[in-house]
Structure formats: structure tokens, C-alpha cells
C-alpha atoms as a PDB file:
ATOM      1  CA  MET A   1     -26.935 108.738 -21.971  1.00  0.00           C
ATOM      2  CA  THR A   2     -23.456 107.528 -22.952  1.00  0.00           C
ATOM      3  CA  GLN A   3     -20.554 109.956 -23.292  1.00  0.00           C
ATOM      4  CA  SER A   4     -20.603 109.337 -27.046  1.00  0.00           C
ATOM      5  CA  ASN A   5     -24.306 110.175 -27.366  1.00  0.00           C
ATOM      6  CA  SER A   6     -23.856 113.156 -25.054  1.00  0.00           C
ATOM      7  CA  ASN A   7     -21.208 114.605 -27.353  1.00  0.00           C
ATOM      8  CA  ILE A   8     -23.450 114.092 -30.371  1.00  0.00           C
ATOM      9  CA  SER A   9     -26.456 115.711 -28.695  1.00  0.00           C
ATOM     10  CA  ARG A  10     -24.400 118.686 -27.550  1.00  0.00           C
ATOM     11  CA  LEU A  11     -23.195 119.311 -31.087  1.00  0.00           C
ATOM     12  CA  SER A  12     -26.643 118.966 -32.628  1.00  0.00           C
ATOM     13  CA  SER A  13     -27.965 121.753 -30.387  1.00  0.00           C
ATOM     14  CA  ASN A  14     -25.123 124.155 -31.229  1.00  0.00           C
ATOM     15  CA  ASN A  15     -23.609 125.638 -34.327  1.00  0.00           C
ATOM     16  CA  SER A  16     -20.519 123.465 -34.904  1.00  0.00           C
ATOM     17  CA  THR A  17     -18.587 126.449 -36.233  1.00  0.00           C
ATOM     18  CA  ASP A  18     -18.734 127.957 -32.731  1.00  0.00           C
ATOM     19  CA  LEU A  19     -17.084 124.928 -31.172  1.00  0.00           C
ATOM     20  CA  ASP A  20     -13.454 123.994 -30.886  1.00  0.00           C
ATOM     21  CA  THR A  21     -12.290 122.106 -33.976  1.00  0.00           C
ATOM     22  CA  GLN A  22     -11.081 119.161 -31.917  1.00  0.00           C
ATOM     23  CA  GLN A  23     -14.481 118.917 -30.238  1.00  0.00           C
ATOM     24  CA  VAL A  24     -16.094 118.659 -33.661  1.00  0.00           C
ATOM     25  CA  TRP A  25     -13.666 115.969 -34.820  1.00  0.00           C
ATOM     26  CA  THR A  26     -14.266 113.957 -31.641  1.00  0.00           C
ATOM     27  CA  ALA A  27     -18.032 114.305 -31.865  1.00  0.00           C
ATOM     28  CA  VAL A  28     -18.034 113.122 -35.488  1.00  0.00           C
ATOM     29  CA  ASP A  29     -15.976 110.071 -34.493  1.00  0.00           C
ATOM     30  CA  ASP A  30     -18.516 109.470 -31.711  1.00  0.00           C
ATOM     31  CA  TYR A  31     -21.319 109.666 -34.288  1.00  0.00           C
ATOM     32  CA  ILE A  32     -19.566 107.173 -36.558  1.00  0.00           C
ATOM     33  CA  GLU A  33     -18.937 104.810 -33.666  1.00  0.00           C
ATOM     34  CA  ALA A  34     -22.533 105.041 -32.425  1.00  0.00           C
ATOM     35  CA  HIS A  35     -23.988 104.226 -35.848  1.00  0.00           C
ATOM     36  CA  LEU A  36     -21.521 101.866 -37.517  1.00  0.00           C
ATOM     37  CA  LEU A  37     -19.496 100.022 -34.897  1.00  0.00           C
ATOM     38  CA  GLU A  38     -20.765  97.103 -32.856  1.00  0.00           C
ATOM     39  CA  ASP A  39     -20.052  96.869 -29.140  1.00  0.00           C
ATOM     40  CA  ASN A  40     -16.866  94.893 -28.493  1.00  0.00           C
ATOM     41  CA  PRO A  41     -16.518  93.703 -24.868  1.00  0.00           C
ATOM     42  CA  ALA A  42     -12.886  92.652 -25.321  1.00  0.00           C
ATOM     43  CA  LEU A  43     -11.921  96.106 -26.560  1.00  0.00           C
ATOM     44  CA  ASN A  44     -13.963  97.806 -23.848  1.00  0.00           C
ATOM     45  CA  GLN A  45     -12.098  95.800 -21.233  1.00  0.00           C
ATOM     46  CA  THR A  46      -8.782  96.665 -22.860  1.00  0.00           C
ATOM     47  CA  LEU A  47      -9.537 100.380 -22.692  1.00  0.00           C
ATOM     48  CA  GLU A  48     -10.756 100.161 -19.100  1.00  0.00           C
ATOM     49  CA  ASN A  49      -7.706  98.199 -17.971  1.00  0.00           C
ATOM     50  CA  THR A  50      -5.361 100.575 -19.773  1.00  0.00           C
ATOM     51  CA  VAL A  51      -6.827 103.627 -18.036  1.00  0.00           C
ATOM     52  CA  ARG A  52      -7.042 101.809 -14.691  1.00  0.00           C
ATOM     53  CA  GLN A  53      -3.304 101.158 -14.820  1.00  0.00           C
ATOM     54  CA  GLY A  54      -2.550 104.816 -15.441  1.00  0.00           C
ATOM     55  CA  TYR A  55      -1.872 104.866 -19.172  1.00  0.00           C
ATOM     56  CA  PRO A  56      -3.333 107.612 -21.399  1.00  0.00           C
ATOM     57  CA  SER A  57      -6.115 106.291 -23.606  1.00  0.00           C
ATOM     58  CA  HIS A  58      -5.044 108.444 -26.578  1.00  0.00           C
ATOM     59  CA  LEU A  59      -2.123 106.115 -27.322  1.00  0.00           C
ATOM     60  CA  HIS A  60      -4.324 103.447 -28.905  1.00  0.00           C
ATOM     61  CA  ILE A  61      -5.782 103.631 -32.391  1.00  0.00           C
ATOM     62  CA  ALA A  62      -9.250 105.184 -32.774  1.00  0.00           C
ATOM     63  CA  ALA A  63     -12.165 102.748 -32.851  1.00  0.00           C
ATOM     64  CA  ASN A  64     -13.308 103.630 -36.378  1.00  0.00           C
ATOM     65  CA  GLN A  65      -9.757 103.322 -37.712  1.00  0.00           C
ATOM     66  CA  ALA A  66      -9.412  99.984 -35.912  1.00  0.00           C
ATOM     67  CA  GLN A  67     -12.527  98.863 -37.775  1.00  0.00           C
ATOM     68  CA  MET A  68     -10.841  99.895 -41.017  1.00  0.00           C
ATOM     69  CA  LEU A  69      -7.885  97.630 -40.181  1.00  0.00           C
ATOM     70  CA  SER A  70     -10.288  94.767 -39.536  1.00  0.00           C
ATOM     71  CA  MET A  71     -12.004  95.301 -42.871  1.00  0.00           C
ATOM     72  CA  LEU A  72      -8.709  95.507 -44.773  1.00  0.00           C
ATOM     73  CA  ILE A  73      -7.528  92.261 -43.197  1.00  0.00           C
ATOM     74  CA  LYS A  74     -10.721  90.474 -44.232  1.00  0.00           C
ATOM     75  CA  MET A  75     -10.698  92.000 -47.720  1.00  0.00           C
ATOM     76  CA  ASN A  76      -7.096  90.894 -48.160  1.00  0.00           C
ATOM     77  CA  GLY A  77      -7.871  87.365 -46.965  1.00  0.00           C
ATOM     78  CA  ALA A  78      -4.980  87.674 -44.521  1.00  0.00           C
ATOM     79  CA  LYS A  79      -4.072  84.737 -42.290  1.00  0.00           C
ATOM     80  CA  ARG A  80      -0.726  85.984 -40.969  1.00  0.00           C
ATOM     81  CA  ILE A  81      -0.174  89.433 -39.460  1.00  0.00           C
ATOM     82  CA  LEU A  82       2.946  91.202 -38.211  1.00  0.00           C
ATOM     83  CA  GLU A  83       2.618  94.191 -35.876  1.00  0.00           C
ATOM     84  CA  PHE A  84       5.323  96.608 -34.734  1.00  0.00           C
ATOM     85  CA  GLY A  85       4.295  98.260 -31.460  1.00  0.00           C
ATOM     86  CA  THR A  86       1.818  96.433 -29.226  1.00  0.00           C
ATOM     87  CA  PHE A  87       1.273  98.995 -26.442  1.00  0.00           C
ATOM     88  CA  ALA A  88      -1.860  97.778 -24.582  1.00  0.00           C
ATOM     89  CA  GLY A  89      -2.899  95.337 -27.286  1.00  0.00           C
ATOM     90  CA  TYR A  90      -5.933  97.258 -28.581  1.00  0.00           C
ATOM     91  CA  SER A  91      -5.011  97.137 -32.275  1.00  0.00           C
ATOM     92  CA  THR A  92      -3.558  93.660 -31.732  1.00  0.00           C
ATOM     93  CA  ILE A  93      -6.884  92.349 -30.474  1.00  0.00           C
ATOM     94  CA  VAL A  94      -8.849  94.076 -33.257  1.00  0.00           C
ATOM     95  CA  MET A  95      -6.668  92.520 -35.930  1.00  0.00           C
ATOM     96  CA  ALA A  96      -6.645  89.079 -34.312  1.00  0.00           C
ATOM     97  CA  GLN A  97     -10.445  89.119 -34.170  1.00  0.00           C
ATOM     98  CA  ALA A  98     -10.458  89.636 -37.950  1.00  0.00           C
ATOM     99  CA  LEU A  99      -8.373  86.525 -38.577  1.00  0.00           C
ATOM    100  CA  PRO A 100      -9.758  83.049 -39.301  1.00  0.00           C
ATOM    101  CA  ALA A 101      -9.498  80.371 -36.609  1.00  0.00           C
ATOM    102  CA  ASP A 102      -6.159  79.170 -37.994  1.00  0.00           C
ATOM    103  CA  GLY A 103      -4.714  82.678 -38.190  1.00  0.00           C
ATOM    104  CA  TYR A 104      -1.507  83.909 -36.570  1.00  0.00           C
ATOM    105  CA  LEU A 105      -0.447  87.350 -35.370  1.00  0.00           C
ATOM    106  CA  LEU A 106       3.084  88.230 -34.250  1.00  0.00           C
ATOM    107  CA  THR A 107       3.269  91.500 -32.307  1.00  0.00           C
ATOM    108  CA  ILE A 108       6.480  93.087 -31.049  1.00  0.00           C
ATOM    109  CA  GLU A 109       6.797  95.455 -28.070  1.00  0.00           C
ATOM    110  CA  SER A 110      10.058  96.853 -26.665  1.00  0.00           C
ATOM    111  CA  ARG A 111       8.758  98.248 -23.357  1.00  0.00           C
ATOM    112  CA  ASP A 112       8.289  95.668 -20.625  1.00  0.00           C
ATOM    113  CA  THR A 113       5.489  97.611 -18.890  1.00  0.00           C
ATOM    114  CA  HIS A 114       3.511  97.883 -22.136  1.00  0.00           C
ATOM    115  CA  TYR A 115       4.164  94.237 -22.877  1.00  0.00           C
ATOM    116  CA  ALA A 116       2.834  93.154 -19.463  1.00  0.00           C
ATOM    117  CA  LEU A 117      -0.308  95.245 -19.943  1.00  0.00           C
ATOM    118  CA  ALA A 118      -0.870  93.818 -23.427  1.00  0.00           C
ATOM    119  CA  GLN A 119      -0.440  90.274 -22.132  1.00  0.00           C
ATOM    120  CA  GLU A 120      -3.229  90.862 -19.607  1.00  0.00           C
ATOM    121  CA  ASN A 121      -5.572  92.298 -22.226  1.00  0.00           C
ATOM    122  CA  ILE A 122      -4.833  89.598 -24.800  1.00  0.00           C
ATOM    123  CA  ALA A 123      -5.460  86.851 -22.244  1.00  0.00           C
ATOM    124  CA  HIS A 124      -8.731  88.451 -21.156  1.00  0.00           C
ATOM    125  CA  ALA A 125      -9.807  88.612 -24.809  1.00  0.00           C
ATOM    126  CA  GLY A 126      -9.150  84.866 -25.144  1.00  0.00           C
ATOM    127  CA  LEU A 127      -6.726  85.306 -28.042  1.00  0.00           C
ATOM    128  CA  THR A 128      -3.498  83.806 -26.719  1.00  0.00           C
ATOM    129  CA  ASP A 129      -3.766  80.930 -29.216  1.00  0.00           C
ATOM    130  CA  ILE A 130      -3.688  83.339 -32.163  1.00  0.00           C
ATOM    131  CA  ILE A 131      -1.478  86.139 -30.836  1.00  0.00           C
ATOM    132  CA  ASP A 132       2.253  85.597 -30.368  1.00  0.00           C
ATOM    133  CA  ALA A 133       3.337  88.625 -28.304  1.00  0.00           C
ATOM    134  CA  ARG A 134       7.085  89.082 -27.981  1.00  0.00           C
ATOM    135  CA  LEU A 135       9.092  91.457 -25.835  1.00  0.00           C
ATOM    136  CA  GLY A 136      12.208  92.909 -27.429  1.00  0.00           C
ATOM    137  CA  LEU A 137      13.643  95.190 -30.073  1.00  0.00           C
ATOM    138  CA  ALA A 138      12.023  94.737 -33.471  1.00  0.00           C
ATOM    139  CA  ASN A 139      15.345  94.233 -35.206  1.00  0.00           C
ATOM    140  CA  GLU A 140      16.312  91.417 -32.845  1.00  0.00           C
ATOM    141  CA  VAL A 141      12.907  89.717 -32.949  1.00  0.00           C
ATOM    142  CA  ILE A 142      12.710  89.801 -36.753  1.00  0.00           C
ATOM    143  CA  HIS A 143      16.246  88.486 -37.125  1.00  0.00           C
ATOM    144  CA  SER A 144      15.435  85.663 -34.707  1.00  0.00           C
ATOM    145  CA  LEU A 145      12.708  84.333 -37.006  1.00  0.00           C
ATOM    146  CA  ASP A 146      13.538  81.065 -38.719  1.00  0.00           C
ATOM    147  CA  ALA A 147      14.403  81.302 -42.403  1.00  0.00           C
ATOM    148  CA  THR A 148      11.437  79.048 -43.167  1.00  0.00           C
ATOM    149  CA  THR A 149       8.965  81.397 -41.455  1.00  0.00           C
ATOM    150  CA  PRO A 150       6.024  81.898 -43.853  1.00  0.00           C
ATOM    151  CA  ALA A 151       5.514  85.405 -45.188  1.00  0.00           C
ATOM    152  CA  PHE A 152       3.058  87.760 -43.541  1.00  0.00           C
ATOM    153  CA  ASP A 153      -0.020  88.867 -45.464  1.00  0.00           C
ATOM    154  CA  PHE A 154      -0.681  92.061 -43.508  1.00  0.00           C
ATOM    155  CA  ILE A 155       1.729  94.288 -41.574  1.00  0.00           C
ATOM    156  CA  PHE A 156       0.814  97.109 -39.196  1.00  0.00           C
ATOM    157  CA  ILE A 157       3.499  99.529 -38.008  1.00  0.00           C
ATOM    158  CA  ASP A 158       2.595 101.750 -35.055  1.00  0.00           C
ATOM    159  CA  ALA A 159       5.736 102.242 -32.982  1.00  0.00           C
ATOM    160  CA  ASP A 160       8.541 104.811 -32.585  1.00  0.00           C
ATOM    161  CA  LYS A 161       8.377 107.024 -35.642  1.00  0.00           C
ATOM    162  CA  GLN A 162      12.105 107.607 -36.049  1.00  0.00           C
ATOM    163  CA  SER A 163      12.492 103.880 -36.748  1.00  0.00           C
ATOM    164  CA  TYR A 164       9.814 103.621 -39.440  1.00  0.00           C
ATOM    165  CA  PRO A 165      12.336 103.368 -42.312  1.00  0.00           C
ATOM    166  CA  GLU A 166      14.024 100.459 -40.524  1.00  0.00           C
ATOM    167  CA  TYR A 167      10.683  98.801 -39.751  1.00  0.00           C
ATOM    168  CA  LEU A 168       9.688  99.054 -43.402  1.00  0.00           C
ATOM    169  CA  GLU A 169      12.828  97.199 -44.439  1.00  0.00           C
ATOM    170  CA  LEU A 170      12.362  94.592 -41.711  1.00  0.00           C
ATOM    171  CA  SER A 171       8.788  94.097 -42.896  1.00  0.00           C
ATOM    172  CA  LEU A 172       9.882  93.495 -46.461  1.00  0.00           C
ATOM    173  CA  ARG A 173      12.137  90.629 -45.333  1.00  0.00           C
ATOM    174  CA  HIS A 174       9.036  88.633 -44.410  1.00  0.00           C
ATOM    175  CA  ALA A 175       6.479  89.895 -46.919  1.00  0.00           C
ATOM    176  CA  ARG A 176       5.138  88.378 -50.107  1.00  0.00           C
ATOM    177  CA  SER A 177       3.786  89.807 -53.325  1.00  0.00           C
ATOM    178  CA  GLY A 178       0.520  91.479 -52.370  1.00  0.00           C
ATOM    179  CA  THR A 179       1.304  91.964 -48.688  1.00  0.00           C
ATOM    180  CA  LEU A 180      -0.377  95.131 -47.421  1.00  0.00           C
ATOM    181  CA  ILE A 181       1.663  97.358 -45.097  1.00  0.00           C
ATOM    182  CA  ILE A 182      -0.052 100.050 -43.004  1.00  0.00           C
ATOM    183  CA  LEU A 183       2.041 102.654 -41.166  1.00  0.00           C
ATOM    184  CA  ASP A 184       0.185 104.780 -38.612  1.00  0.00           C
ATOM    185  CA  ASN A 185       0.761 108.377 -37.483  1.00  0.00           C
ATOM    186  CA  VAL A 186       2.787 109.584 -40.462  1.00  0.00           C
ATOM    187  CA  ILE A 187       1.419 113.133 -40.843  1.00  0.00           C
ATOM    188  CA  ARG A 188       1.835 114.437 -37.269  1.00  0.00           C
ATOM    189  CA  ALA A 189      -0.361 117.528 -37.640  1.00  0.00           C
ATOM    190  CA  ALA A 190       1.568 118.495 -40.812  1.00  0.00           C
ATOM    191  CA  GLU A 191       4.897 118.630 -38.947  1.00  0.00           C
ATOM    192  CA  ILE A 192       6.432 116.544 -41.728  1.00  0.00           C
ATOM    193  CA  ILE A 193       6.284 119.510 -44.121  1.00  0.00           C
ATOM    194  CA  ASP A 194       7.832 122.009 -41.708  1.00  0.00           C
ATOM    195  CA  PRO A 195      11.453 122.404 -42.894  1.00  0.00           C
ATOM    196  CA  ASN A 196      12.453 123.786 -39.483  1.00  0.00           C
ATOM    197  CA  ASN A 197      11.255 120.714 -37.611  1.00  0.00           C
ATOM    198  CA  HIS A 198      14.173 118.381 -37.010  1.00  0.00           C
ATOM    199  CA  LYS A 199      12.748 116.166 -34.275  1.00  0.00           C
ATOM    200  CA  PRO A 200      13.984 112.572 -34.693  1.00  0.00           C
ATOM    201  CA  SER A 201      10.414 111.336 -35.161  1.00  0.00           C
ATOM    202  CA  ILE A 202       9.726 113.812 -37.958  1.00  0.00           C
ATOM    203  CA  VAL A 203      13.063 113.178 -39.649  1.00  0.00           C
ATOM    204  CA  GLY A 204      12.287 109.450 -39.516  1.00  0.00           C
ATOM    205  CA  LEU A 205       8.908 109.966 -41.148  1.00  0.00           C
ATOM    206  CA  ARG A 206      10.398 112.062 -43.934  1.00  0.00           C
ATOM    207  CA  GLU A 207      12.913 109.283 -44.536  1.00  0.00           C
ATOM    208  CA  LEU A 208       9.996 106.849 -44.676  1.00  0.00           C
ATOM    209  CA  PHE A 209       8.319 108.839 -47.453  1.00  0.00           C
ATOM    210  CA  GLN A 210      11.609 108.929 -49.335  1.00  0.00           C
ATOM    211  CA  ALA A 211      11.968 105.162 -48.877  1.00  0.00           C
ATOM    212  CA  LEU A 212       8.457 104.493 -50.166  1.00  0.00           C
ATOM    213  CA  GLN A 213       9.071 106.648 -53.228  1.00  0.00           C
ATOM    214  CA  ASN A 214      10.198 104.340 -56.029  1.00  0.00           C
ATOM    215  CA  HIS A 215      11.136 101.540 -53.614  1.00  0.00           C
ATOM    216  CA  PRO A 216      12.119  98.484 -55.716  1.00  0.00           C
ATOM    217  CA  GLN A 217       9.990  96.160 -53.568  1.00  0.00           C
ATOM    218  CA  ILE A 218       6.877  98.352 -53.369  1.00  0.00           C
ATOM    219  CA  ALA A 219       4.278  98.111 -56.141  1.00  0.00           C
ATOM    220  CA  GLU A 220       2.400 101.233 -55.069  1.00  0.00           C
ATOM    221  CA  SER A 221       1.864 103.371 -51.996  1.00  0.00           C
ATOM    222  CA  THR A 222      -0.034 106.385 -50.715  1.00  0.00           C
ATOM    223  CA  ALA A 223      -0.761 108.305 -47.532  1.00  0.00           C
ATOM    224  CA  ILE A 224      -4.050 109.631 -46.174  1.00  0.00           C
ATOM    225  CA  GLN A 225      -4.536 112.601 -43.842  1.00  0.00           C
ATOM    226  CA  THR A 226      -7.002 111.978 -41.023  1.00  0.00           C
ATOM    227  CA  VAL A 227      -8.781 114.035 -38.374  1.00  0.00           C
ATOM    228  CA  GLY A 228     -10.754 112.681 -35.449  1.00  0.00           C
ATOM    229  CA  CYS A 229     -10.729 112.009 -31.729  1.00  0.00           C
ATOM    230  CA  LYS A 230      -6.946 111.518 -31.872  1.00  0.00           C
ATOM    231  CA  GLY A 231      -6.353 114.868 -33.571  1.00  0.00           C
ATOM    232  CA  TYR A 232      -4.817 115.584 -36.963  1.00  0.00           C
ATOM    233  CA  ASP A 233      -2.591 112.841 -38.329  1.00  0.00           C
ATOM    234  CA  GLY A 234      -2.691 110.184 -41.023  1.00  0.00           C
ATOM    235  CA  PHE A 235      -1.465 106.818 -42.230  1.00  0.00           C
ATOM    236  CA  ALA A 236       0.524 105.439 -45.141  1.00  0.00           C
ATOM    237  CA  MET A 237      -0.156 102.207 -46.963  1.00  0.00           C
ATOM    238  CA  ALA A 238       1.938 100.196 -49.377  1.00  0.00           C
ATOM    239  CA  VAL A 239       1.491  97.031 -51.422  1.00  0.00           C
ATOM    240  CA  VAL A 240       4.493  94.767 -51.913  1.00  0.00           C
ATOM    241  CA  LYS A 241       5.438  93.776 -55.485  1.00  0.00           C
END
């Protein structure tokens, strides 16, 4: 029996109200994954390699949320994707797999160790022709793009939270009308509404919400709270005018 099925079976034989809340959230994600998600060897290898090299697996996006990204990309007919924060390349690979054969994905990572790990995983997934992984600060990479660079159709931001307001503005420089922007981890277990929390990451997220509110280049935006194997968090999404 797989770990996922084991978690599901354990819950079905117990009253879920007697279990730790996080256990319930994880088991429900396991149930969703077991029923609705197809096996993905490239992603399995990415997870295995990430753990083998000593990195915590919780840093990548959850499998069911990764599937949501894939669906949004296909629904939006996206051919060009921009990603802030590559880490091990899990979300990068998911999104690249959703692109057509002539698609293009630019992903930016500032940590050289993460970049090296992502390069390995991207190569193993056979996606080096679609994925353009760059090492460097987002500001510098975006400013290095040629003025004739075509706009991106889909943008995923999953990097240092204190810089989200800056990343939003950088994204808008290379977006078009209708570009969909997804920003991950914006709720932080409700820390954003704690007036006594002044951590740089939380302050940055509050500034993001303020930036999204009535932004002249944003047609509409919202944020969704989520619970699951990664805990209590959420994501924001915005459509460019």
C-alpha cells in the first residue's frame, strides 16, 4: 500500500475529529491525488532528487495545486510563462508540461544551489528546449530582457515574500491584456491580519494586497485561502487590463 493510500485508510477507520487537523488536511490531499491526478514520472523524480540532496520536500507546491496551475495555463491558452522562484523546478516542470510544443518558460532563481538542483531536474524531465532557467536577481534578469521580448501570457510568483510588490511590478512590465498572474503563499496561516506581526515577509504581503487594490494595470484580482498537506496558506490571482 502506498503512503497516500495508507493515510486514506487510516482516516477512514477513525473519526477524523479525533485526529490532528494537519493530518486531516494531508489525508484529504492524498485522497484527491489518488483519485484525480495521474502519475507523473518526471515530477516523481524531481521530488526524489530534491529529498536525496537534503532539501525539505515541503518547499515545493502541492501536487493538486500544481495540477490547478496546469489547468489554468491550458484554459488561458498560454504559450509564454514567467516564473519567479524556481527552487527544485517542480512547479517549473508542471507548467512547462502544460505548454504546447512551441511554448517558452522563463524561470528565475537567485540561489545557486537551488538553481543547480533545478537544472538537474529539468534536464531529467527532458524540458530544456522549453525552459529557460536563469540564475540571478529577478530585478536584474527582467531588466536584461530585450525591449522586443514578447509579453508573457501566464506569470507565477513563488519566491521571497517581502519582494512580492516588486515582483508584481516587474511582471507588469512584460504582461499583456489578459495575462494571468498567480502569487503563491500570500495568507501565511492568517499572519497577514495580525497587526503585531512585522516580519519582512508579512509586511511585503500586506504591501502586495495594497498594490493589487485599485492597481491601474490590474483588471480584477482576488485571493483564496487554502488548507492541505502544506498547511494553511493561500494564493492571489490577478488579470492584467
